[in-house]
C-alpha atoms as a PDB file:
ATOM      1  CA  MET A   1     -37.259 174.664 111.481  1.00  0.00           C
ATOM      2  CA  SER A   2     -36.361 178.102 110.143  1.00  0.00           C
ATOM      3  CA  ILE A   3     -33.007 179.809 110.275  1.00  0.00           C
ATOM      4  CA  THR A   4     -33.288 183.494 111.134  1.00  0.00           C
ATOM      5  CA  ARG A   5     -30.688 186.222 111.258  1.00  0.00           C
ATOM      6  CA  ARG A   6     -31.771 186.791 114.859  1.00  0.00           C
ATOM      7  CA  ALA A   7     -30.742 183.220 115.646  1.00  0.00           C
ATOM      8  CA  PHE A   8     -27.598 183.574 113.560  1.00  0.00           C
ATOM      9  CA  VAL A   9     -26.514 186.721 115.370  1.00  0.00           C
ATOM     10  CA  ALA A  10     -27.214 185.576 118.886  1.00  0.00           C
ATOM     11  CA  SER A  11     -25.428 187.768 121.387  1.00  0.00           C
ATOM     12  CA  SER A  12     -24.531 191.433 121.766  1.00  0.00           C
ATOM     13  CA  LEU A  13     -20.882 192.269 122.328  1.00  0.00           C
ATOM     14  CA  THR A  14     -20.632 195.580 124.108  1.00  0.00           C
ATOM     15  CA  ALA A  15     -16.854 195.825 123.692  1.00  0.00           C
ATOM     16  CA  VAL A  16     -17.191 196.793 120.052  1.00  0.00           C
ATOM     17  CA  GLY A  17     -20.925 197.277 119.737  1.00  0.00           C
ATOM     18  CA  VAL A  18     -21.549 194.439 117.280  1.00  0.00           C
ATOM     19  CA  ALA A  19     -22.841 190.905 117.600  1.00  0.00           C
ATOM     20  CA  ALA A  20     -21.074 187.568 117.561  1.00  0.00           C
ATOM     21  CA  LEU A  21     -21.853 185.097 114.824  1.00  0.00           C
ATOM     22  CA  ARG A  22     -23.136 182.197 116.914  1.00  0.00           C
ATOM     23  CA  PRO A  23     -25.841 180.345 114.974  1.00  0.00           C
ATOM     24  CA  ARG A  24     -27.997 177.911 116.866  1.00  0.00           C
ATOM     25  CA  ASP A  25     -28.043 174.236 115.991  1.00  0.00           C
ATOM     26  CA  LEU A  26     -30.333 173.521 113.061  1.00  0.00           C
ATOM     27  CA  LEU A  27     -31.170 169.919 113.780  1.00  0.00           C
ATOM     28  CA  SER A  28     -32.863 168.170 116.663  1.00  0.00           C
ATOM     29  CA  GLY A  29     -32.468 164.529 117.609  1.00  0.00           C
ATOM     30  CA  GLY A  30     -32.498 161.805 114.982  1.00  0.00           C
ATOM     31  CA  ALA A  31     -29.792 163.065 112.634  1.00  0.00           C
ATOM     32  CA  PRO A  32     -26.253 161.689 112.872  1.00  0.00           C
ATOM     33  CA  ASP A  33     -23.428 163.900 114.072  1.00  0.00           C
ATOM     34  CA  ILE A  34     -21.300 163.004 111.067  1.00  0.00           C
ATOM     35  CA  VAL A  35     -22.045 161.752 107.570  1.00  0.00           C
ATOM     36  CA  ASP A  36     -19.057 160.169 105.811  1.00  0.00           C
ATOM     37  CA  VAL A  37     -20.051 159.642 102.184  1.00  0.00           C
ATOM     38  CA  SER A  38     -17.985 157.910  99.509  1.00  0.00           C
ATOM     39  CA  GLY A  39     -18.472 158.343  95.775  1.00  0.00           C
ATOM     40  CA  THR A  40     -17.182 159.910  92.606  1.00  0.00           C
ATOM     41  CA  ASP A  41     -19.940 162.378  91.706  1.00  0.00           C
ATOM     42  CA  PRO A  42     -19.981 165.445  93.998  1.00  0.00           C
ATOM     43  CA  ALA A  43     -23.633 166.248  93.317  1.00  0.00           C
ATOM     44  CA  THR A  44     -24.757 162.741  94.276  1.00  0.00           C
ATOM     45  CA  MET A  45     -22.524 162.781  97.356  1.00  0.00           C
ATOM     46  CA  ILE A  46     -23.823 166.169  98.527  1.00  0.00           C
ATOM     47  CA  ALA A  47     -27.422 165.046  98.009  1.00  0.00           C
ATOM     48  CA  ALA A  48     -26.857 161.827  99.954  1.00  0.00           C
ATOM     49  CA  ALA A  49     -25.179 163.621 102.853  1.00  0.00           C
ATOM     50  CA  LEU A  50     -27.912 166.238 103.140  1.00  0.00           C
ATOM     51  CA  SER A  51     -30.605 163.576 102.961  1.00  0.00           C
ATOM     52  CA  ALA A  52     -28.942 161.696 105.819  1.00  0.00           C
ATOM     53  CA  LEU A  53     -28.952 164.896 107.870  1.00  0.00           C
ATOM     54  CA  GLY A  54     -32.679 165.369 107.405  1.00  0.00           C
ATOM     55  CA  GLY A  55     -32.903 166.863 103.940  1.00  0.00           C
ATOM     56  CA  ILE A  56     -31.772 170.147 102.464  1.00  0.00           C
ATOM     57  CA  GLU A  57     -35.080 171.734 103.472  1.00  0.00           C
ATOM     58  CA  ARG A  58     -33.846 171.584 107.072  1.00  0.00           C
ATOM     59  CA  PHE A  59     -31.122 174.046 106.086  1.00  0.00           C
ATOM     60  CA  VAL A  60     -32.362 176.090 103.133  1.00  0.00           C
ATOM     61  CA  LYS A  61     -35.655 177.961 103.281  1.00  0.00           C
ATOM     62  CA  ARG A  62     -37.117 179.697 100.256  1.00  0.00           C
ATOM     63  CA  GLY A  63     -35.417 183.042  99.779  1.00  0.00           C
ATOM     64  CA  ALA A  64     -32.555 182.198 102.157  1.00  0.00           C
ATOM     65  CA  ARG A  65     -29.221 183.932 101.750  1.00  0.00           C
ATOM     66  CA  VAL A  66     -26.492 181.300 101.640  1.00  0.00           C
ATOM     67  CA  VAL A  67     -22.759 181.867 102.078  1.00  0.00           C
ATOM     68  CA  LEU A  68     -20.298 179.142 101.088  1.00  0.00           C
ATOM     69  CA  LYS A  69     -16.695 179.418 102.282  1.00  0.00           C
ATOM     70  CA  PRO A  70     -14.308 177.065 100.473  1.00  0.00           C
ATOM     71  CA  ASN A  71     -10.541 177.054 100.874  1.00  0.00           C
ATOM     72  CA  GLY A  72      -9.244 179.050  97.912  1.00  0.00           C
ATOM     73  CA  GLY A  73      -6.174 180.567  99.495  1.00  0.00           C
ATOM     74  CA  PHE A  74      -3.498 179.403  97.060  1.00  0.00           C
ATOM     75  CA  PRO A  75      -3.094 179.839  93.275  1.00  0.00           C
ATOM     76  CA  ASN A  76      -2.619 176.141  92.635  1.00  0.00           C
ATOM     77  CA  PRO A  77      -4.595 173.671  90.515  1.00  0.00           C
ATOM     78  CA  PRO A  78      -7.188 171.608  92.404  1.00  0.00           C
ATOM     79  CA  GLU A  79      -5.132 168.472  91.811  1.00  0.00           C
ATOM     80  CA  TRP A  80      -2.563 169.728  94.340  1.00  0.00           C
ATOM     81  CA  GLY A  81      -5.111 169.306  97.135  1.00  0.00           C
ATOM     82  CA  THR A  82      -4.402 172.747  98.589  1.00  0.00           C
ATOM     83  CA  THR A  83      -7.832 174.161  97.745  1.00  0.00           C
ATOM     84  CA  THR A  84     -11.428 172.952  97.690  1.00  0.00           C
ATOM     85  CA  THR A  85     -12.506 171.115  94.547  1.00  0.00           C
ATOM     86  CA  PRO A  86     -14.655 173.501  92.434  1.00  0.00           C
ATOM     87  CA  GLU A  87     -17.119 170.743  91.504  1.00  0.00           C
ATOM     88  CA  VAL A  88     -17.837 170.090  95.202  1.00  0.00           C
ATOM     89  CA  VAL A  89     -18.553 173.772  95.848  1.00  0.00           C
ATOM     90  CA  ALA A  90     -20.694 174.002  92.719  1.00  0.00           C
ATOM     91  CA  ALA A  91     -22.686 170.927  93.746  1.00  0.00           C
ATOM     92  CA  MET A  92     -23.581 172.524  97.070  1.00  0.00           C
ATOM     93  CA  ALA A  93     -24.422 175.819  95.379  1.00  0.00           C
ATOM     94  CA  ARG A  94     -26.751 174.093  92.905  1.00  0.00           C
ATOM     95  CA  ALA A  95     -28.443 172.151  95.702  1.00  0.00           C
ATOM     96  CA  CYS A  96     -29.152 175.369  97.618  1.00  0.00           C
ATOM     97  CA  LEU A  97     -30.464 177.172  94.550  1.00  0.00           C
ATOM     98  CA  ALA A  98     -32.683 174.214  93.657  1.00  0.00           C
ATOM     99  CA  ALA A  99     -34.080 174.282  97.190  1.00  0.00           C
ATOM    100  CA  GLY A 100     -35.188 177.888  96.685  1.00  0.00           C
ATOM    101  CA  ALA A 101     -32.318 179.906  98.121  1.00  0.00           C
ATOM    102  CA  GLY A 102     -32.638 183.581  97.282  1.00  0.00           C
ATOM    103  CA  SER A 103     -28.898 183.913  96.808  1.00  0.00           C
ATOM    104  CA  VAL A 104     -25.787 181.768  97.045  1.00  0.00           C
ATOM    105  CA  THR A 105     -22.462 183.551  97.441  1.00  0.00           C
ATOM    106  CA  VAL A 106     -19.035 181.948  97.503  1.00  0.00           C
ATOM    107  CA  VAL A 107     -16.695 184.087  99.610  1.00  0.00           C
ATOM    108  CA  GLU A 108     -12.927 183.873  99.952  1.00  0.00           C
ATOM    109  CA  TYR A 109      -9.938 186.028 100.874  1.00  0.00           C
ATOM    110  CA  PRO A 110      -6.928 184.481  99.122  1.00  0.00           C
ATOM    111  CA  ILE A 111      -3.451 184.621 100.602  1.00  0.00           C
ATOM    112  CA  SER A 112      -2.220 186.461  97.516  1.00  0.00           C
ATOM    113  CA  LYS A 113      -3.009 187.286  93.885  1.00  0.00           C
ATOM    114  CA  GLY A 114      -6.704 187.905  94.557  1.00  0.00           C
ATOM    115  CA  ARG A 115      -8.848 187.084  91.535  1.00  0.00           C
ATOM    116  CA  LYS A 116      -5.927 185.388  89.802  1.00  0.00           C
ATOM    117  CA  CYS A 117      -5.634 183.015  92.751  1.00  0.00           C
ATOM    118  CA  LEU A 118      -9.286 182.022  92.473  1.00  0.00           C
ATOM    119  CA  GLU A 119      -8.900 181.536  88.728  1.00  0.00           C
ATOM    120  CA  ARG A 120      -5.885 179.277  89.139  1.00  0.00           C
ATOM    121  CA  CYS A 121      -7.489 177.093  91.801  1.00  0.00           C
ATOM    122  CA  GLY A 122     -10.647 176.865  89.724  1.00  0.00           C
ATOM    123  CA  LEU A 123     -13.110 178.548  92.059  1.00  0.00           C
ATOM    124  CA  THR A 124     -14.095 181.177  89.496  1.00  0.00           C
ATOM    125  CA  ARG A 125     -15.610 178.286  87.529  1.00  0.00           C
ATOM    126  CA  VAL A 126     -18.210 177.746  90.247  1.00  0.00           C
ATOM    127  CA  VAL A 127     -20.360 180.551  88.846  1.00  0.00           C
ATOM    128  CA  ASP A 128     -20.433 178.722  85.490  1.00  0.00           C
ATOM    129  CA  LEU A 129     -21.035 175.296  87.031  1.00  0.00           C
ATOM    130  CA  ALA A 130     -23.802 176.704  89.242  1.00  0.00           C
ATOM    131  CA  PRO A 131     -25.691 179.407  87.292  1.00  0.00           C
ATOM    132  CA  GLY A 132     -27.104 181.982  89.676  1.00  0.00           C
ATOM    133  CA  CYS A 133     -24.280 181.615  92.184  1.00  0.00           C
ATOM    134  CA  LYS A 134     -22.112 184.673  92.931  1.00  0.00           C
ATOM    135  CA  LEU A 135     -18.457 184.969  93.858  1.00  0.00           C
ATOM    136  CA  GLN A 136     -17.284 187.573  96.372  1.00  0.00           C
ATOM    137  CA  LEU A 137     -13.568 188.274  96.631  1.00  0.00           C
ATOM    138  CA  LEU A 138     -12.859 189.752 100.069  1.00  0.00           C
ATOM    139  CA  GLY A 139     -10.108 192.252 100.726  1.00  0.00           C
ATOM    140  CA  ALA A 140     -11.460 195.796 100.975  1.00  0.00           C
ATOM    141  CA  ASP A 141     -11.810 197.416 104.386  1.00  0.00           C
ATOM    142  CA  ALA A 142     -15.571 197.615 103.855  1.00  0.00           C
ATOM    143  CA  ASP A 143     -15.729 193.814 103.584  1.00  0.00           C
ATOM    144  CA  PHE A 144     -14.943 193.418 107.294  1.00  0.00           C
ATOM    145  CA  GLU A 145     -16.293 194.518 110.656  1.00  0.00           C
ATOM    146  CA  LYS A 146     -14.733 194.363 114.098  1.00  0.00           C
ATOM    147  CA  VAL A 147     -16.149 191.625 116.302  1.00  0.00           C
ATOM    148  CA  ALA A 148     -15.253 190.952 119.923  1.00  0.00           C
ATOM    149  CA  ILE A 149     -14.384 187.404 120.940  1.00  0.00           C
ATOM    150  CA  LYS A 150     -15.884 186.881 124.365  1.00  0.00           C
ATOM    151  CA  GLY A 151     -13.734 184.411 126.278  1.00  0.00           C
ATOM    152  CA  GLY A 152     -10.877 184.592 123.781  1.00  0.00           C
ATOM    153  CA  VAL A 153      -7.464 183.670 125.177  1.00  0.00           C
ATOM    154  CA  ALA A 154      -4.949 184.590 122.465  1.00  0.00           C
ATOM    155  CA  CYS A 155      -7.333 186.877 120.590  1.00  0.00           C
ATOM    156  CA  ASN A 156     -10.193 188.981 121.963  1.00  0.00           C
ATOM    157  CA  GLU A 157     -11.316 190.779 118.806  1.00  0.00           C
ATOM    158  CA  VAL A 158     -11.076 190.283 115.079  1.00  0.00           C
ATOM    159  CA  ASP A 159     -12.041 191.986 111.823  1.00  0.00           C
ATOM    160  CA  LEU A 160     -14.498 189.476 110.358  1.00  0.00           C
ATOM    161  CA  ALA A 161     -16.204 189.253 106.961  1.00  0.00           C
ATOM    162  CA  ARG A 162     -19.467 191.192 106.942  1.00  0.00           C
ATOM    163  CA  ALA A 163     -20.966 188.604 104.584  1.00  0.00           C
ATOM    164  CA  LEU A 164     -21.591 186.308 107.543  1.00  0.00           C
ATOM    165  CA  ARG A 165     -23.869 188.765 109.293  1.00  0.00           C
ATOM    166  CA  GLU A 166     -26.500 188.679 106.567  1.00  0.00           C
ATOM    167  CA  ALA A 167     -26.309 184.936 105.903  1.00  0.00           C
ATOM    168  CA  ASP A 168     -29.237 182.683 106.748  1.00  0.00           C
ATOM    169  CA  LEU A 169     -27.049 179.648 106.079  1.00  0.00           C
ATOM    170  CA  PHE A 170     -23.259 179.605 106.398  1.00  0.00           C
ATOM    171  CA  VAL A 171     -21.432 176.540 105.054  1.00  0.00           C
ATOM    172  CA  SER A 172     -17.705 175.988 105.561  1.00  0.00           C
ATOM    173  CA  MET A 173     -16.202 173.883 102.761  1.00  0.00           C
ATOM    174  CA  PRO A 174     -12.515 173.257 103.494  1.00  0.00           C
ATOM    175  CA  THR A 175     -10.260 170.823 101.722  1.00  0.00           C
ATOM    176  CA  ALA A 176      -8.576 168.063 103.721  1.00  0.00           C
ATOM    177  CA  LYS A 177      -4.898 168.899 104.031  1.00  0.00           C
ATOM    178  CA  HIS A 178      -1.755 169.024 106.107  1.00  0.00           C
ATOM    179  CA  HIS A 179      -0.683 172.389 107.522  1.00  0.00           C
ATOM    180  CA  SER A 180       2.821 173.182 108.720  1.00  0.00           C
ATOM    181  CA  GLY A 181       1.577 175.513 111.464  1.00  0.00           C
ATOM    182  CA  THR A 182      -1.524 173.723 112.737  1.00  0.00           C
ATOM    183  CA  VAL A 183      -0.811 170.124 111.642  1.00  0.00           C
ATOM    184  CA  VAL A 184      -4.022 170.010 109.582  1.00  0.00           C
ATOM    185  CA  SER A 185      -6.314 172.567 107.988  1.00  0.00           C
ATOM    186  CA  PHE A 186      -9.975 171.558 108.043  1.00  0.00           C
ATOM    187  CA  GLY A 187     -13.083 173.474 109.125  1.00  0.00           C
ATOM    188  CA  LEU A 188     -11.761 175.368 112.144  1.00  0.00           C
ATOM    189  CA  LYS A 189      -8.689 176.605 110.292  1.00  0.00           C
ATOM    190  CA  ASN A 190     -10.808 177.483 107.241  1.00  0.00           C
ATOM    191  CA  ALA A 191     -12.382 180.327 109.246  1.00  0.00           C
ATOM    192  CA  MET A 192      -9.104 182.257 108.982  1.00  0.00           C
ATOM    193  CA  GLY A 193     -10.058 182.976 105.381  1.00  0.00           C
ATOM    194  CA  LEU A 194     -12.783 185.241 106.764  1.00  0.00           C
ATOM    195  CA  ILE A 195     -10.561 187.578 108.780  1.00  0.00           C
ATOM    196  CA  LYS A 196      -8.723 190.614 107.538  1.00  0.00           C
ATOM    197  CA  ASP A 197      -5.467 190.372 109.497  1.00  0.00           C
ATOM    198  CA  ARG A 198      -4.237 186.791 109.237  1.00  0.00           C
ATOM    199  CA  PRO A 199      -0.574 187.651 109.876  1.00  0.00           C
ATOM    200  CA  SER A 200      -1.512 188.741 113.404  1.00  0.00           C
ATOM    201  CA  PHE A 201      -2.724 185.204 114.141  1.00  0.00           C
ATOM    202  CA  HIS A 202       0.658 183.822 113.177  1.00  0.00           C
ATOM    203  CA  GLY A 203       2.228 186.144 115.729  1.00  0.00           C
ATOM    204  CA  MET A 204       0.129 184.560 118.486  1.00  0.00           C
ATOM    205  CA  ASP A 205      -0.291 180.998 119.691  1.00  0.00           C
ATOM    206  CA  LEU A 206      -1.844 179.968 116.368  1.00  0.00           C
ATOM    207  CA  HIS A 207      -3.712 176.953 117.714  1.00  0.00           C
ATOM    208  CA  GLN A 208      -5.272 179.030 120.490  1.00  0.00           C
ATOM    209  CA  ALA A 209      -6.135 181.835 118.079  1.00  0.00           C
ATOM    210  CA  VAL A 210      -7.921 179.394 115.759  1.00  0.00           C
ATOM    211  CA  ALA A 211      -9.846 177.980 118.727  1.00  0.00           C
ATOM    212  CA  ASP A 212     -10.719 181.518 119.831  1.00  0.00           C
ATOM    213  CA  LEU A 213     -12.029 182.347 116.367  1.00  0.00           C
ATOM    214  CA  ALA A 214     -14.355 179.350 116.613  1.00  0.00           C
ATOM    215  CA  ARG A 215     -16.201 181.150 119.398  1.00  0.00           C
ATOM    216  CA  VAL A 216     -17.601 183.642 116.878  1.00  0.00           C
ATOM    217  CA  VAL A 217     -17.518 181.715 113.592  1.00  0.00           C
ATOM    218  CA  ARG A 218     -19.776 178.677 113.828  1.00  0.00           C
ATOM    219  CA  PRO A 219     -20.862 177.231 110.491  1.00  0.00           C
ATOM    220  CA  HIS A 220     -24.315 175.738 110.227  1.00  0.00           C
ATOM    221  CA  LEU A 221     -22.721 173.024 108.098  1.00  0.00           C
ATOM    222  CA  THR A 222     -19.138 171.938 107.547  1.00  0.00           C
ATOM    223  CA  ILE A 223     -18.317 169.888 104.462  1.00  0.00           C
ATOM    224  CA  VAL A 224     -14.734 168.615 104.362  1.00  0.00           C
ATOM    225  CA  ASP A 225     -13.727 167.961 100.768  1.00  0.00           C
ATOM    226  CA  ALA A 226     -11.753 164.747 100.978  1.00  0.00           C
ATOM    227  CA  THR A 227     -12.178 163.795  97.357  1.00  0.00           C
ATOM    228  CA  ARG A 228      -8.413 164.146  97.561  1.00  0.00           C
ATOM    229  CA  ALA A 229      -6.187 164.861 100.566  1.00  0.00           C
ATOM    230  CA  LEU A 230      -2.838 166.633 100.835  1.00  0.00           C
ATOM    231  CA  LEU A 231      -0.769 164.592 103.282  1.00  0.00           C
ATOM    232  CA  THR A 232       2.468 166.586 103.337  1.00  0.00           C
ATOM    233  CA  ASN A 233       3.923 170.034 102.668  1.00  0.00           C
ATOM    234  CA  GLY A 234       0.741 171.937 103.389  1.00  0.00           C
ATOM    235  CA  PRO A 235      -0.773 174.368 103.319  1.00  0.00           C
ATOM    236  CA  ALA A 236       0.616 175.539  99.969  1.00  0.00           C
ATOM    237  CA  GLY A 237       2.067 172.301  98.542  1.00  0.00           C
ATOM    238  CA  PRO A 238       3.067 170.669  96.359  1.00  0.00           C
ATOM    239  CA  GLY A 239       3.100 167.545  98.476  1.00  0.00           C
ATOM    240  CA  GLU A 240       1.848 163.991  98.540  1.00  0.00           C
ATOM    241  CA  VAL A 241      -1.774 163.798  97.457  1.00  0.00           C
ATOM    242  CA  VAL A 242      -4.040 160.764  97.779  1.00  0.00           C
ATOM    243  CA  ARG A 243      -7.413 160.226  96.182  1.00  0.00           C
ATOM    244  CA  LEU A 244     -10.042 159.400  98.835  1.00  0.00           C
ATOM    245  CA  ASP A 245     -13.341 160.203  97.069  1.00  0.00           C
ATOM    246  CA  ARG A 246     -15.057 161.106 100.343  1.00  0.00           C
ATOM    247  CA  LEU A 247     -16.923 164.003 101.906  1.00  0.00           C
ATOM    248  CA  VAL A 248     -17.335 164.462 105.661  1.00  0.00           C
ATOM    249  CA  VAL A 249     -20.407 166.493 106.571  1.00  0.00           C
ATOM    250  CA  GLY A 250     -21.800 167.635 109.911  1.00  0.00           C
ATOM    251  CA  THR A 251     -23.415 170.493 111.782  1.00  0.00           C
ATOM    252  CA  ASN A 252     -20.631 170.942 114.354  1.00  0.00           C
ATOM    253  CA  VAL A 253     -17.240 171.991 113.020  1.00  0.00           C
ATOM    254  CA  VAL A 254     -15.294 170.664 116.022  1.00  0.00           C
ATOM    255  CA  SER A 255     -16.775 167.205 115.615  1.00  0.00           C
ATOM    256  CA  VAL A 256     -16.245 167.228 111.849  1.00  0.00           C
ATOM    257  CA  ASP A 257     -12.592 168.207 112.290  1.00  0.00           C
ATOM    258  CA  ALA A 258     -11.971 165.581 114.958  1.00  0.00           C
ATOM    259  CA  TYR A 259     -13.484 162.855 112.803  1.00  0.00           C
ATOM    260  CA  SER A 260     -11.606 164.008 109.683  1.00  0.00           C
ATOM    261  CA  LEU A 261      -8.260 163.362 111.357  1.00  0.00           C
ATOM    262  CA  GLY A 262      -8.864 159.683 110.662  1.00  0.00           C
ATOM    263  CA  LEU A 263      -9.358 160.106 106.929  1.00  0.00           C
ATOM    264  CA  ALA A 264      -5.692 159.718 106.000  1.00  0.00           C
ATOM    265  CA  PRO A 265      -2.173 159.726 107.512  1.00  0.00           C
ATOM    266  CA  PHE A 266      -1.621 163.487 107.467  1.00  0.00           C
ATOM    267  CA  THR A 267       2.075 164.160 108.188  1.00  0.00           C
ATOM    268  CA  LYS A 268       2.553 160.456 107.286  1.00  0.00           C
ATOM    269  CA  ARG A 269       1.166 159.183 110.587  1.00  0.00           C
ATOM    270  CA  LYS A 270      -2.115 158.510 112.302  1.00  0.00           C
ATOM    271  CA  LEU A 271      -3.287 161.623 114.132  1.00  0.00           C
ATOM    272  CA  THR A 272      -5.564 162.095 117.117  1.00  0.00           C
ATOM    273  CA  VAL A 273      -7.028 165.209 118.700  1.00  0.00           C
ATOM    274  CA  ALA A 274      -4.067 165.210 121.091  1.00  0.00           C
ATOM    275  CA  ASP A 275      -1.839 165.954 118.077  1.00  0.00           C
ATOM    276  CA  VAL A 276      -3.885 168.937 116.899  1.00  0.00           C
ATOM    277  CA  ARG A 277      -4.236 171.412 119.743  1.00  0.00           C
ATOM    278  CA  HIS A 278      -6.745 173.784 118.184  1.00  0.00           C
ATOM    279  CA  ILE A 279      -9.353 171.022 117.933  1.00  0.00           C
ATOM    280  CA  GLY A 280      -8.861 170.057 121.587  1.00  0.00           C
ATOM    281  CA  LEU A 281      -8.879 173.681 122.691  1.00  0.00           C
ATOM    282  CA  ALA A 282     -12.150 174.353 120.864  1.00  0.00           C
ATOM    283  CA  ALA A 283     -13.696 171.267 122.443  1.00  0.00           C
ATOM    284  CA  ALA A 284     -12.460 172.299 125.895  1.00  0.00           C
ATOM    285  CA  ALA A 285     -14.149 175.683 125.361  1.00  0.00           C
ATOM    286  CA  GLY A 286     -17.468 173.875 124.936  1.00  0.00           C
ATOM    287  CA  LEU A 287     -17.697 174.441 121.198  1.00  0.00           C
ATOM    288  CA  GLY A 288     -18.206 170.827 120.189  1.00  0.00           C
ATOM    289  CA  GLU A 289     -17.526 167.160 120.840  1.00  0.00           C
ATOM    290  CA  ALA A 290     -14.043 166.020 119.822  1.00  0.00           C
ATOM    291  CA  ASP A 291     -14.238 162.468 121.206  1.00  0.00           C
ATOM    292  CA  VAL A 292     -14.965 160.530 118.035  1.00  0.00           C
ATOM    293  CA  SER A 293     -16.120 157.497 120.045  1.00  0.00           C
ATOM    294  CA  LYS A 294     -19.056 159.581 121.268  1.00  0.00           C
ATOM    295  CA  LEU A 295     -20.178 160.679 117.810  1.00  0.00           C
ATOM    296  CA  ASP A 296     -23.036 159.141 115.855  1.00  0.00           C
ATOM    297  CA  VAL A 297     -21.457 158.512 112.452  1.00  0.00           C
ATOM    298  CA  LYS A 298     -23.311 157.406 109.337  1.00  0.00           C
ATOM    299  CA  ARG A 299     -21.135 156.009 106.560  1.00  0.00           C
ATOM    300  CA  LEU A 300     -22.641 155.574 103.131  1.00  0.00           C
ATOM    301  CA  THR A 301     -21.796 155.243  99.449  1.00  0.00           C
ATOM    302  CA  ALA A 302     -23.422 157.496  96.905  1.00  0.00           C
END
């Protein structure tokens, strides 16, 4: 099953004359909704998860342009759990390149310090760990384009990273962490690292704005890096960090986020979708299944 830019950019938005980023589902029946893989080697874990989902060839076609979006928003060491582990990102990049991807680009728009931020959280090392991978630091006006959000409640348009438009495969790779404004920051919240004006979201109903953004940013794959999890004092830390040695992988970001709530006691208590409004709001908008009891979950050890 091929992934085309026509499928990736699926609907015209006359309000601003550009298209929404609404990729179609890549997989048909037979694959689980969620793969929860335990292990200590990111490359082995990534390979096992992709195999369980039908194989990397279901996602990466020869010559495909791949965009990986980790969480690299804070200039902290990976051990703080505030950013995605570089080795996890590099493992996915190497897998895509080995499958014949024409390009693999890691994109991020740090909260502050730009390149220095990516150096301090280790993401600049991805290009060394995965030769052939590129790193794109967002920030210039030309990096973004205005996109209308049809059906948005708190937000009806946003300046979104242009890199998504040309991607054949878009993979969101958030870390698993607490967030003071949205309770947790997983895949849905990770999309805020692709918009130019994040402060405007904090001036709105933030949960609703994140759910609105999910209408136009729909990753083909979401990989939650739960090799470690930040339980408190997120998003910037430092806080309590636990080692989980797990990855949660799926094709629907709402379902992945809902399932990931059960990984650890974020905020020091057991959370449900009722505690994290943006997940419930995205599900209510028809963007994915948030009832974990209805999900087909495959748990494995790599």
